[in-house]
């Protein structure tokens, strides 16, 4: 598992790409950045659970193992998450 690695998070139109250590604090900060954006209620609850739920970090790790970039829709925007050091690993 890669829970001790950095992730690169981008929210186009809201926040520039930033690197965070994958963990509950980082995921809660991401949620705080997007929770006030306009989105359907169901999507709001789904994303809240996705970023603040008890398995949030594990789920992000699982999804990044399957796809190099995790793209989550947020209303008419999106959150993009990938490993910050992904290019180093392919070398």
Protein backbone atom coordinates (compact mmCIF):
# COMPACT_ATOMS: atom_id res chain seq x y z
CA UNK A 1 0.00 0.00 0.00
CA UNK A 2 1.10 3.54 -0.65
CA UNK A 3 -0.63 5.40 2.16
CA UNK A 4 2.62 7.20 3.01
CA UNK A 5 3.02 8.78 -0.42
CA UNK A 6 2.16 12.19 -1.76
CA UNK A 7 -0.79 12.87 -4.04
CA UNK A 8 -1.21 15.70 -6.52
CA UNK A 9 -4.67 17.25 -6.33
CA UNK A 10 -6.09 19.63 -8.90
CA UNK A 11 -9.47 21.34 -8.91
CA UNK A 12 -9.53 23.27 -12.20
CA UNK A 13 -11.05 26.73 -11.74
CA UNK A 14 -10.93 26.45 -7.94
CA UNK A 15 -7.40 25.47 -6.85
CA UNK A 16 -4.14 24.99 -8.73
CA UNK A 17 -2.38 21.62 -8.49
CA UNK A 18 -1.06 21.04 -4.98
CA UNK A 19 0.80 18.17 -3.37
CA UNK A 20 -0.52 16.64 -0.15
CA UNK A 21 0.57 13.70 1.97
CA UNK A 22 -2.25 11.18 1.56
CA UNK A 23 -4.10 11.04 4.86
CA UNK A 24 -7.32 12.07 6.59
CA UNK A 25 -6.24 15.71 7.05
CA UNK A 26 -5.48 16.15 3.35
CA UNK A 27 -8.71 14.50 2.28
CA UNK A 28 -10.71 16.69 4.66
CA UNK A 29 -8.97 19.80 3.24
CA UNK A 30 -9.92 18.70 -0.27
CA UNK A 31 -13.51 18.25 0.87
CA UNK A 32 -13.47 21.71 2.50
CA UNK A 33 -12.32 23.16 -0.86
CA UNK A 34 -15.23 21.70 -2.81
CA UNK A 35 -18.11 21.28 -0.36
CA UNK A 36 -19.55 24.73 -1.13
CA UNK A 37 -19.50 24.32 -4.91
CA UNK A 38 -22.91 23.90 -6.53
CA UNK A 39 -23.71 20.21 -7.00
CA UNK A 40 -26.70 17.91 -6.65
CA UNK A 41 -27.48 16.84 -3.09
CA UNK A 42 -26.75 13.16 -3.77
CA UNK A 43 -23.35 14.05 -5.24
CA UNK A 44 -22.63 16.24 -2.19
CA UNK A 45 -23.32 13.37 0.21
CA UNK A 46 -21.39 10.90 -1.94
CA UNK A 47 -18.31 13.13 -2.14
CA UNK A 48 -18.48 13.97 1.55
CA UNK A 49 -18.35 10.27 2.36
CA UNK A 50 -15.64 9.75 -0.26
CA UNK A 51 -13.33 12.33 1.33
CA UNK A 52 -14.23 12.10 5.03
CA UNK A 53 -15.51 8.56 5.50
CA UNK A 54 -13.67 5.94 7.56
CA UNK A 55 -12.25 4.23 4.44
CA UNK A 56 -11.52 7.36 2.39
CA UNK A 57 -7.74 6.94 2.21
CA UNK A 58 -7.94 3.24 1.45
CA UNK A 59 -10.48 3.87 -1.31
CA UNK A 60 -8.28 6.53 -2.94
CA UNK A 61 -5.31 4.13 -2.87
CA UNK A 62 -7.44 1.39 -4.43
CA UNK A 63 -8.71 3.67 -7.18
CA UNK A 64 -5.23 5.01 -7.99
CA UNK A 65 -3.97 1.43 -8.26
CA UNK A 66 -6.57 0.86 -11.00
CA UNK A 67 -6.28 4.21 -12.82
CA UNK A 68 -3.33 6.64 -12.99
CA UNK A 69 -5.63 9.65 -12.54
CA UNK A 70 -8.76 9.62 -10.41
CA UNK A 71 -11.32 12.11 -11.76
CA UNK A 72 -14.31 12.89 -9.56
CA UNK A 73 -17.10 15.12 -10.88
CA UNK A 74 -18.13 18.01 -8.64
CA UNK A 75 -21.15 19.71 -10.15
CA UNK A 76 -19.89 21.22 -13.42
CA UNK A 77 -16.25 20.89 -12.27
CA UNK A 78 -14.00 18.00 -11.30
CA UNK A 79 -11.31 16.97 -8.85
CA UNK A 80 -8.26 15.23 -10.31
CA UNK A 81 -6.05 13.14 -8.03
CA UNK A 82 -2.89 11.25 -8.96
CA UNK A 83 0.30 10.11 -7.30
CA UNK A 84 2.65 13.09 -7.07
CA UNK A 85 5.66 10.94 -7.94
CA UNK A 86 4.02 8.82 -10.68
CA UNK A 87 6.54 9.91 -13.35
CA UNK A 88 9.45 8.80 -11.16
CA UNK A 89 8.03 5.29 -10.87
CA UNK A 90 7.68 4.74 -14.59
CA UNK A 91 11.41 5.43 -15.11
